[in-house]
């Protein structure tokens, strides 16, 4: 039997020393957030965890421990026969639970008796969470950011997605938040990650970037759907210079209808969104927009909404920001890519 080791840090360099990171919390806990790259091998599933907790609080501590131990033993045995069946002799796993207590130590004890060099993360998931919070809420951003700006429908996301092929570093906040921004941005069938999971994904993406080279990020508000951009990044975005994409309004309207076709195909969804606009239009204007939806005049609707609200809001935001504009590019027919001063830098 090899002794169980203890790790006191959750920084990327420390985590990289292990062959695998095993999260032994319940699937529900794992889904909310977990360490980057971790696999979920729960020693108690969600129902079992609830059962043991109820018995512990309402009946008997002894009975709860006995039933919990039986569940844990069966679950660990199943993991050894399935997910861990092919691990080699020199396997080095890191095991963690909520706070580095009973669940992780139960798994680690068994793995170490097999002969694997097993380590437990001291403090468990909470140690990792403190690491993430310190980086995103206390540290300063070390990256040189450039905002990709432009009015609604300028295809900023499409441009951003193609920049890596030109050798440009990007940070895709909408992909990390699983949301396309604005009230129309929900991705059908794909719920947004929990705020904690969003922050974990964001920090992992930030740490993968080269601070010696500029990073292009789409100009966003401080919230992407229901996810909040942490202070470290938001403050850097507020100070960043920008590249502004300008596209004629009719072309932007046509692009929006295509890009948001999943929403436009459902009148009831679109009508519900109109009721939630942050600046509520007059009843007369809202009535006109509803009629456009019902007649399927979505391109006209998009152009009308941009003229009455979105373009004005973007212009106001730019005036207030005072950010330097490095380049202003006008695209004809939504030709999305051209050379930029960022290539190769």
Protein backbone atom coordinates (compact mmCIF):
# COMPACT_ATOMS: atom_id res chain seq x y z
CA UNK A 1 0.00 0.00 0.00
CA UNK A 2 1.32 3.41 -0.97
CA UNK A 3 0.54 6.25 1.48
CA UNK A 4 -2.05 8.78 0.38
CA UNK A 5 -0.40 12.12 -0.42
CA UNK A 6 -1.94 15.55 0.15
CA UNK A 7 -1.89 18.49 -2.29
CA UNK A 8 -2.46 21.97 -0.89
CA UNK A 9 -2.80 24.00 -4.13
CA UNK A 10 -5.03 24.00 -7.21
CA UNK A 11 -2.92 26.03 -9.65
CA UNK A 12 -2.41 24.61 -13.16
CA UNK A 13 1.23 23.67 -12.56
CA UNK A 14 0.34 21.61 -9.50
CA UNK A 15 -2.59 19.89 -11.22
CA UNK A 16 -0.49 19.06 -14.29
CA UNK A 17 1.59 16.61 -12.25
CA UNK A 18 -1.23 14.04 -12.17
CA UNK A 19 -2.39 11.53 -14.76
CA UNK A 20 -6.04 12.13 -13.95
CA UNK A 21 -8.20 14.29 -11.69
CA UNK A 22 -11.09 12.38 -10.13
CA UNK A 23 -14.10 14.26 -8.76
CA UNK A 24 -15.94 11.90 -6.40
CA UNK A 25 -18.84 14.29 -5.68
CA UNK A 26 -22.34 13.56 -6.92
CA UNK A 27 -23.19 14.15 -10.59
CA UNK A 28 -25.29 17.18 -9.61
CA UNK A 29 -22.37 18.81 -7.81
CA UNK A 30 -20.05 17.98 -10.70
CA UNK A 31 -22.43 19.54 -13.24
CA UNK A 32 -22.45 22.87 -11.40
CA UNK A 33 -18.67 23.17 -11.58
CA UNK A 34 -15.51 21.08 -11.36
CA UNK A 35 -11.76 21.27 -11.77
CA UNK A 36 -10.59 21.61 -15.40
CA UNK A 37 -10.31 18.21 -17.06
CA UNK A 38 -11.71 16.27 -14.09
CA UNK A 39 -13.74 13.10 -14.56
CA UNK A 40 -16.72 12.32 -12.35
CA UNK A 41 -16.59 9.01 -10.45
CA UNK A 42 -19.09 9.65 -7.63
CA UNK A 43 -18.87 7.64 -4.45
CA UNK A 44 -22.46 8.73 -3.74
CA UNK A 45 -24.90 9.67 -6.48
CA UNK A 46 -27.44 12.47 -6.00
CA UNK A 47 -30.20 10.22 -4.62
CA UNK A 48 -27.83 8.38 -2.29
CA UNK A 49 -26.35 11.62 -0.98
CA UNK A 50 -29.83 12.97 -0.25
CA UNK A 51 -30.83 9.70 1.43
CA UNK A 52 -27.78 9.64 3.71
CA UNK A 53 -28.18 13.31 4.60
CA UNK A 54 -31.83 12.85 5.52
CA UNK A 55 -31.12 9.83 7.72
CA UNK A 56 -28.21 11.66 9.37
CA UNK A 57 -30.35 14.69 10.21
CA UNK A 58 -33.63 13.02 11.12
CA UNK A 59 -32.87 9.50 12.36
CA UNK A 60 -29.46 8.19 13.33
CA UNK A 61 -25.88 9.19 12.64
CA UNK A 62 -24.79 5.54 12.98
CA UNK A 63 -27.39 4.31 10.49
CA UNK A 64 -26.53 7.11 8.04
CA UNK A 65 -22.82 6.19 8.21
CA UNK A 66 -23.56 2.48 7.75
CA UNK A 67 -25.83 3.01 4.74
CA UNK A 68 -23.47 5.61 3.29
CA UNK A 69 -20.48 3.29 3.66
CA UNK A 70 -22.34 0.51 1.85
CA UNK A 71 -23.19 2.84 -1.04
CA UNK A 72 -19.60 4.11 -1.20
CA UNK A 73 -18.15 0.59 -1.23
CA UNK A 74 -20.43 -0.55 -4.05
CA UNK A 75 -19.81 2.58 -6.12
CA UNK A 76 -16.03 2.42 -5.77
CA UNK A 77 -16.10 -1.27 -6.70
CA UNK A 78 -18.07 -0.43 -9.84
CA UNK A 79 -15.60 2.30 -10.81
CA UNK A 80 -12.68 -0.12 -10.37
CA UNK A 81 -14.40 -2.64 -12.64
CA UNK A 82 -15.29 -0.07 -15.31
CA UNK A 83 -13.77 3.42 -15.58
CA UNK A 84 -10.52 2.51 -13.78
CA UNK A 85 -10.16 -1.05 -15.07
CA UNK A 86 -7.35 -0.25 -17.52
CA UNK A 87 -5.20 2.11 -15.42
CA UNK A 88 -1.51 1.05 -15.38
CA UNK A 89 0.73 0.32 -12.42
CA UNK A 90 2.29 3.79 -12.41
CA UNK A 91 -1.07 5.60 -12.44
CA UNK A 92 -1.08 8.88 -10.44
CA UNK A 93 -4.60 10.17 -9.72
CA UNK A 94 -5.64 13.29 -7.79
CA UNK A 95 -8.90 12.78 -5.90
CA UNK A 96 -11.15 15.47 -4.50
CA UNK A 97 -14.63 16.01 -3.09
CA UNK A 98 -16.38 19.08 -1.69
CA UNK A 99 -13.83 19.87 1.03
CA UNK A 100 -11.32 17.03 1.04
CA UNK A 101 -13.18 14.95 3.62
CA UNK A 102 -14.74 11.54 3.86
CA UNK A 103 -15.71 10.97 0.25
CA UNK A 104 -12.32 11.71 -1.29
CA UNK A 105 -10.44 9.88 1.45
CA UNK A 106 -12.60 6.78 1.00
CA UNK A 107 -11.74 6.63 -2.71
CA UNK A 108 -8.08 7.55 -2.15
CA UNK A 109 -7.60 4.84 0.48
CA UNK A 110 -8.81 2.12 -1.87
CA UNK A 111 -6.77 3.41 -4.82
CA UNK A 112 -3.63 3.61 -2.73
CA UNK A 113 -4.08 0.04 -1.46
CA UNK A 114 -4.16 -1.12 -5.06
CA UNK A 115 -0.69 0.40 -5.41
CA UNK A 116 -1.39 3.63 -7.25
CA UNK A 117 0.32 6.85 -6.12
CA UNK A 118 -2.85 8.61 -4.99
CA UNK A 119 -3.16 12.21 -3.79
CA UNK A 120 -6.08 14.03 -2.15
CA UNK A 121 -6.66 17.73 -2.76
CA UNK A 122 -6.68 19.35 0.67
CA UNK A 123 -9.86 21.42 1.00
CA UNK A 124 -11.33 19.73 -2.08
CA UNK A 125 -13.34 21.73 -4.59
CA UNK A 126 -13.33 24.72 -2.25
CA UNK A 127 -9.55 25.03 -2.67
CA UNK A 128 -9.98 25.25 -6.43
CA UNK A 129 -12.84 27.72 -6.05
CA UNK A 130 -10.70 30.02 -3.89
CA UNK A 131 -8.00 29.87 -6.57
CA UNK A 132 -10.44 30.83 -9.33
CA UNK A 133 -11.94 33.68 -7.31
CA UNK A 134 -8.55 35.12 -6.41
CA UNK A 135 -7.48 35.18 -10.07
CA UNK A 136 -10.72 36.70 -11.37
CA UNK A 137 -11.70 39.00 -8.50
CA UNK A 138 -8.40 40.11 -6.99
CA UNK A 139 -5.63 39.94 -9.60
CA UNK A 140 -5.13 42.38 -12.47
CA UNK A 141 -5.45 41.22 -16.08
CA UNK A 142 -2.04 40.62 -17.64
CA UNK A 143 -3.38 40.39 -21.20
CA UNK A 144 -3.36 43.06 -23.89
CA UNK A 145 -6.98 43.10 -25.04
CA UNK A 146 -8.46 44.57 -28.20
CA UNK A 147 -12.23 44.77 -28.53
CA UNK A 148 -13.98 43.74 -31.72
CA UNK A 149 -16.84 46.22 -31.77
CA UNK A 150 -19.76 46.93 -34.07
CA UNK A 151 -23.51 47.37 -34.06
CA UNK A 152 -25.93 44.47 -33.73
CA UNK A 153 -25.78 42.22 -36.78
CA UNK A 154 -22.20 43.12 -37.77
CA UNK A 155 -21.22 39.43 -37.59
CA UNK A 156 -18.65 40.07 -34.88
CA UNK A 157 -18.87 36.51 -33.58
CA UNK A 158 -18.36 35.08 -37.07
CA UNK A 159 -15.31 37.29 -37.54
CA UNK A 160 -13.93 36.33 -34.13
CA UNK A 161 -14.26 32.62 -34.86
CA UNK A 162 -12.17 32.97 -38.03
CA UNK A 163 -9.33 35.02 -36.54
CA UNK A 164 -7.33 32.06 -35.12
CA UNK A 165 -6.76 30.87 -38.70
CA UNK A 166 -4.92 34.18 -39.23
CA UNK A 167 -2.72 33.59 -36.20
CA UNK A 168 -4.69 35.91 -33.91
CA UNK A 169 -5.44 35.01 -30.30
CA UNK A 170 -9.10 35.30 -29.30
CA UNK A 171 -11.24 34.98 -26.21
CA UNK A 172 -14.77 33.84 -27.09
CA UNK A 173 -16.91 34.87 -24.13
CA UNK A 174 -20.17 33.93 -25.80
CA UNK A 175 -18.97 30.36 -26.36
CA UNK A 176 -17.83 30.10 -22.74
CA UNK A 177 -21.17 31.46 -21.50
CA UNK A 178 -23.20 29.44 -24.03
CA UNK A 179 -25.13 32.56 -25.00
CA UNK A 180 -25.08 34.90 -28.02
CA UNK A 181 -25.68 38.05 -26.00
CA UNK A 182 -28.81 40.22 -25.71
CA UNK A 183 -32.35 39.00 -25.07
CA UNK A 184 -32.21 37.03 -28.32
CA UNK A 185 -29.05 35.17 -27.42
CA UNK A 186 -30.20 32.00 -25.69
CA UNK A 187 -29.00 28.86 -27.50
CA UNK A 188 -31.94 26.42 -27.88
CA UNK A 189 -31.38 23.19 -25.99
CA UNK A 190 -28.16 24.45 -24.39
CA UNK A 191 -28.61 26.00 -20.94
CA UNK A 192 -26.00 28.41 -19.71
CA UNK A 193 -23.40 27.03 -17.30
CA UNK A 194 -23.61 27.98 -13.64
CA UNK A 195 -21.70 31.19 -12.82
CA UNK A 196 -19.02 29.15 -11.05
CA UNK A 197 -18.59 26.87 -14.06
CA UNK A 198 -18.44 29.89 -16.37
CA UNK A 199 -15.68 31.38 -14.25
CA UNK A 200 -13.73 28.11 -14.22
CA UNK A 201 -13.98 27.86 -18.01
CA UNK A 202 -13.01 31.49 -18.37
CA UNK A 203 -9.93 31.20 -16.17
CA UNK A 204 -8.78 28.09 -18.04
CA UNK A 205 -9.18 29.97 -21.35
CA UNK A 206 -7.28 32.99 -20.03
CA UNK A 207 -4.42 30.86 -18.76
CA UNK A 208 -4.05 29.24 -22.18
CA UNK A 209 -3.34 32.62 -23.83
CA UNK A 210 0.11 34.12 -24.45
CA UNK A 211 0.33 37.42 -22.53
CA UNK A 212 3.07 38.61 -24.90
CA UNK A 213 0.58 38.76 -27.80
CA UNK A 214 -2.67 40.75 -28.13
CA UNK A 215 -6.00 39.03 -27.59
CA UNK A 216 -9.15 39.96 -29.50
CA UNK A 217 -12.42 39.75 -27.57
CA UNK A 218 -15.87 40.74 -28.74
CA UNK A 219 -17.25 43.90 -27.16
CA UNK A 220 -19.86 42.67 -24.69
CA UNK A 221 -21.82 44.11 -21.82
CA UNK A 222 -20.87 43.11 -18.28
CA UNK A 223 -23.47 40.31 -18.49
CA UNK A 224 -23.74 37.64 -21.17
CA UNK A 225 -27.21 36.26 -20.70
CA UNK A 226 -27.29 35.56 -16.97
CA UNK A 227 -23.55 35.15 -16.58
CA UNK A 228 -21.49 38.04 -15.19
CA UNK A 229 -18.06 38.92 -16.57
CA UNK A 230 -15.71 38.95 -13.53
CA UNK A 231 -14.11 42.27 -12.51
CA UNK A 232 -10.56 41.39 -13.59
CA UNK A 233 -11.61 40.91 -17.20
CA UNK A 234 -14.37 43.52 -17.31
CA UNK A 235 -12.04 46.29 -16.12
CA UNK A 236 -9.50 45.33 -18.77
CA UNK A 237 -12.20 45.34 -21.45
CA UNK A 238 -13.33 48.82 -20.37
CA UNK A 239 -9.79 50.10 -20.89
CA UNK A 240 -9.06 48.25 -24.14
CA UNK A 241 -8.76 49.83 -27.58
CA UNK A 242 -11.16 48.61 -30.21
CA UNK A 243 -11.63 47.71 -33.85
CA UNK A 244 -15.04 48.77 -35.09
CA UNK A 245 -16.85 46.85 -37.82
CA UNK A 246 -19.40 48.92 -39.73
CA UNK A 247 -22.03 47.31 -41.95
CA UNK A 248 -25.09 48.98 -43.55
CA UNK A 249 -28.24 48.44 -41.54
CA UNK A 250 -30.17 46.53 -44.25
CA UNK A 251 -27.35 44.00 -44.55
CA UNK A 252 -27.16 43.62 -40.79
CA UNK A 253 -30.89 43.00 -40.65
CA UNK A 254 -30.63 40.24 -43.26
CA UNK A 255 -27.72 38.69 -41.41
CA UNK A 256 -29.60 38.68 -38.10
CA UNK A 257 -32.57 36.88 -39.60
CA UNK A 258 -30.22 34.19 -40.85
CA UNK A 259 -28.08 33.97 -37.70
CA UNK A 260 -31.08 33.84 -35.36
CA UNK A 261 -33.24 31.63 -37.54
CA UNK A 262 -33.83 29.26 -34.62
CA UNK A 263 -35.68 32.03 -32.79
CA UNK A 264 -37.41 33.53 -35.82
CA UNK A 265 -38.95 30.16 -36.59
CA UNK A 266 -41.03 30.31 -33.40
CA UNK A 267 -43.41 33.26 -33.30
CA UNK A 268 -44.41 32.72 -29.68
CA UNK A 269 -40.76 32.87 -28.56
CA UNK A 270 -40.09 36.02 -30.54
CA UNK A 271 -43.23 37.74 -29.26
CA UNK A 272 -42.28 36.90 -25.66
CA UNK A 273 -38.83 38.41 -26.16
CA UNK A 274 -40.32 41.66 -27.48
CA UNK A 275 -42.12 42.05 -24.15
CA UNK A 276 -38.79 41.95 -22.29
CA UNK A 277 -36.85 44.66 -24.12
CA UNK A 278 -34.77 46.68 -21.61
CA UNK A 279 -36.12 49.95 -23.03
CA UNK A 280 -39.82 49.26 -23.49
CA UNK A 281 -41.15 50.69 -26.77
CA UNK A 282 -44.44 52.56 -26.98
CA UNK A 283 -47.56 50.43 -27.27
CA UNK A 284 -48.06 51.67 -30.81
CA UNK A 285 -44.53 50.69 -31.88
CA UNK A 286 -44.75 47.37 -30.06
CA UNK A 287 -48.03 46.67 -31.84
CA UNK A 288 -46.39 47.33 -35.22
CA UNK A 289 -43.54 44.97 -34.33
CA UNK A 290 -45.96 42.25 -33.26
CA UNK A 291 -47.73 42.53 -36.61
CA UNK A 292 -44.36 42.17 -38.39
CA UNK A 293 -43.74 38.95 -36.46
CA UNK A 294 -47.17 37.58 -37.30
CA UNK A 295 -46.69 38.40 -41.00
CA UNK A 296 -43.21 36.89 -41.01
CA UNK A 297 -41.55 40.20 -41.90
CA UNK A 298 -38.51 39.45 -39.78
CA UNK A 299 -35.97 41.41 -41.81
CA UNK A 300 -38.12 44.53 -41.56
CA UNK A 301 -38.54 43.87 -37.83
CA UNK A 302 -34.80 43.55 -37.29
CA UNK A 303 -34.10 46.80 -39.14
CA UNK A 304 -36.83 48.64 -37.24
CA UNK A 305 -35.55 47.44 -33.86
CA UNK A 306 -31.99 48.44 -34.70
CA UNK A 307 -33.07 51.91 -35.79
CA UNK A 308 -35.30 52.48 -32.74
CA UNK A 309 -33.16 50.93 -30.02
CA UNK A 310 -30.04 48.85 -30.62
CA UNK A 311 -27.98 51.23 -32.79
CA UNK A 312 -28.73 54.12 -30.44
CA UNK A 313 -27.71 52.04 -27.42
CA UNK A 314 -24.42 50.98 -29.03
CA UNK A 315 -23.59 54.57 -30.03
CA UNK A 316 -24.29 55.79 -26.50
CA UNK A 317 -22.08 53.08 -25.03
CA UNK A 318 -19.18 54.01 -27.28
CA UNK A 319 -19.42 57.69 -26.40
CA UNK A 320 -19.35 56.89 -22.70
CA UNK A 321 -16.44 54.46 -22.95
CA UNK A 322 -13.98 56.89 -24.55
CA UNK A 323 -11.97 53.92 -25.89
CA UNK A 324 -9.48 54.48 -28.67
CA UNK A 325 -10.51 53.12 -32.07
CA UNK A 326 -7.53 51.43 -33.72
CA UNK A 327 -9.32 50.65 -36.95
CA UNK A 328 -12.78 51.19 -38.45
CA UNK A 329 -13.61 48.76 -41.24
CA UNK A 330 -16.67 48.90 -43.50
CA UNK A 331 -17.71 45.54 -44.93
CA UNK A 332 -19.70 45.27 -48.13
CA UNK A 333 -22.06 42.31 -48.37
CA UNK A 334 -20.76 41.07 -45.03
CA UNK A 335 -17.35 40.08 -46.33
CA UNK A 336 -16.17 39.10 -42.90
CA UNK A 337 -12.40 38.99 -43.07
CA UNK A 338 -9.59 41.28 -44.13
CA UNK A 339 -6.04 41.86 -43.03
CA UNK A 340 -5.65 43.48 -39.64
CA UNK A 341 -2.62 44.92 -37.82
CA UNK A 342 -2.84 41.99 -35.40
CA UNK A 343 -1.63 39.23 -37.69
CA UNK A 344 1.62 37.71 -36.57
CA UNK A 345 1.90 39.98 -33.54
